[in-house]
Protein backbone atom coordinates (compact mmCIF):
# COMPACT_ATOMS: atom_id res chain seq x y z
CA UNK A 1 -7.33 -6.63 -3.19
CA UNK A 2 -8.26 -4.35 -0.29
CA UNK A 3 -8.89 -0.67 -0.74
CA UNK A 4 -7.69 0.43 2.71
CA UNK A 5 -4.10 1.00 3.80
CA UNK A 6 -2.08 1.58 6.91
CA UNK A 7 0.61 4.02 5.76
CA UNK A 8 3.98 4.67 7.39
CA UNK A 9 5.99 7.59 6.02
CA UNK A 10 9.46 8.53 7.16
CA UNK A 11 12.07 11.18 6.70
CA UNK A 12 15.84 10.99 6.50
CA UNK A 13 17.93 8.40 8.29
CA UNK A 14 19.52 9.91 11.38
CA UNK A 15 23.25 10.55 10.98
CA UNK A 16 25.21 7.76 12.62
CA UNK A 17 22.24 5.36 12.54
CA UNK A 18 22.66 4.14 8.97
CA UNK A 19 23.67 0.58 9.89
CA UNK A 20 20.81 0.24 12.37
CA UNK A 21 18.38 1.69 9.82
CA UNK A 22 19.32 -0.99 7.30
CA UNK A 23 18.72 -3.65 9.95
CA UNK A 24 15.27 -2.27 10.74
CA UNK A 25 14.53 -2.05 7.01
CA UNK A 26 15.40 -5.73 6.52
CA UNK A 27 13.27 -6.75 9.50
CA UNK A 28 10.36 -4.67 8.19
CA UNK A 29 10.51 -6.30 4.75
CA UNK A 30 10.52 -9.73 6.40
CA UNK A 31 7.51 -8.74 8.52
CA UNK A 32 5.57 -7.45 5.48
CA UNK A 33 6.26 -10.63 3.50
CA UNK A 34 5.10 -12.82 6.41
CA UNK A 35 2.05 -10.61 7.03
CA UNK A 36 1.04 -11.00 3.39
CA UNK A 37 1.73 -14.76 3.34
CA UNK A 38 -0.35 -15.21 6.51
CA UNK A 39 -3.28 -13.14 5.25
CA UNK A 40 -2.81 -10.29 7.74
CA UNK A 41 -2.66 -7.90 4.75
CA UNK A 42 -3.47 -8.35 1.08
CA UNK A 43 -0.30 -6.66 -0.17
CA UNK A 44 2.21 -3.96 0.53
CA UNK A 45 3.85 -1.24 -1.53
CA UNK A 46 7.02 0.71 -0.89
CA UNK A 47 7.54 4.14 -2.40
CA UNK A 48 10.81 6.05 -2.27
CA UNK A 49 11.00 9.73 -3.16
CA UNK A 50 13.78 11.66 -4.80
CA UNK A 51 15.45 14.17 -2.49
CA UNK A 52 13.15 17.15 -2.09
CA UNK A 53 14.87 19.25 0.55
CA UNK A 54 12.46 17.97 3.17
CA UNK A 55 9.28 18.90 1.28
CA UNK A 56 8.31 15.23 0.99
CA UNK A 57 9.11 12.22 3.13
CA UNK A 58 12.02 10.02 2.09
CA UNK A 59 9.66 7.13 1.57
CA UNK A 60 6.46 5.43 2.59
CA UNK A 61 5.09 1.95 3.02
CA UNK A 62 1.42 1.10 2.41
CA UNK A 63 -0.01 -2.07 3.93
CA UNK A 64 -3.15 -2.78 1.87
CA UNK A 65 -6.14 -4.86 2.92
CA UNK A 66 -9.72 -4.74 4.06
CA UNK A 67 -10.74 -2.22 6.69
CA UNK A 68 -10.64 -4.99 9.32
CA UNK A 69 -7.17 -6.10 8.22
CA UNK A 70 -5.86 -2.53 8.36
CA UNK A 71 -7.38 -1.98 11.81
CA UNK A 72 -5.74 -5.20 13.04
CA UNK A 73 -2.31 -4.54 11.49
CA UNK A 74 -2.26 -1.07 13.07
CA UNK A 75 -2.51 -2.78 16.48
CA UNK A 76 -0.22 -5.73 15.66
CA UNK A 77 2.44 -6.02 18.38
CA UNK A 78 5.23 -7.05 16.00
CA UNK A 79 4.49 -4.09 13.73
CA UNK A 80 4.39 -1.75 16.72
CA UNK A 81 7.84 -3.00 17.82
CA UNK A 82 9.16 -2.30 14.32
CA UNK A 83 7.63 1.17 14.44
CA UNK A 84 9.35 1.87 17.75
CA UNK A 85 12.71 0.71 16.38
CA UNK A 86 12.23 2.75 13.20
CA UNK A 87 11.47 5.89 15.24
CA UNK A 88 14.96 5.58 16.75
CA UNK A 89 16.73 5.60 13.37
CA UNK A 90 14.70 7.91 11.09
CA UNK A 91 13.28 11.40 11.41
CA UNK A 92 9.61 12.32 11.06
CA UNK A 93 8.06 8.88 11.31
CA UNK A 94 4.32 9.25 10.82
CA UNK A 95 1.41 6.88 10.36
CA UNK A 96 -1.92 7.46 8.69
CA UNK A 97 -4.53 5.69 6.58
CA UNK A 98 -5.14 5.75 2.84
CA UNK A 99 -8.00 4.78 0.54
CA UNK A 100 -8.24 3.70 -3.08
CA UNK A 101 -10.86 2.25 -5.40
CA UNK A 102 -14.35 1.81 -3.94
CA UNK A 103 -13.17 3.03 -0.53
CA UNK A 104 -12.52 6.48 -2.04
CA UNK A 105 -16.15 6.70 -3.13
CA UNK A 106 -17.22 5.66 0.35
CA UNK A 107 -15.01 8.36 1.86
CA UNK A 108 -16.41 11.00 -0.47
CA UNK A 109 -19.93 9.90 0.47
CA UNK A 110 -19.12 10.33 4.16
CA UNK A 111 -17.68 13.78 3.44
CA UNK A 112 -20.79 14.76 1.47
CA UNK A 113 -23.01 13.61 4.35
CA UNK A 114 -21.01 15.82 6.73
CA UNK A 115 -21.39 18.80 4.39
CA UNK A 116 -25.12 18.21 4.08
CA UNK A 117 -25.51 18.10 7.86
CA UNK A 118 -24.11 21.63 8.29
């Protein structure tokens, strides 16, 4: 399993867009299943957060794979269309990267090299 992730986090559903949000959600789940079945990603995880008064996102989706897979899925046209649709129905849609396992050690090594160069 890959140690790199493309992460999408999102805030609350916009008032009046609930029905559309559920449609985008269904389309996203279908996309993630197909992406995994076709080897575009190794796996995906969905996390939902309890209401926090806006301190945390409402939820996040991690698309896990190799660094090459994550780079490619970030540029995938179908995923980008989903992202655009999602931005119309939820607040605070953000994307970032995440690491786990051996990739964390690699990231720490890069950070240490930067510190040593100062």
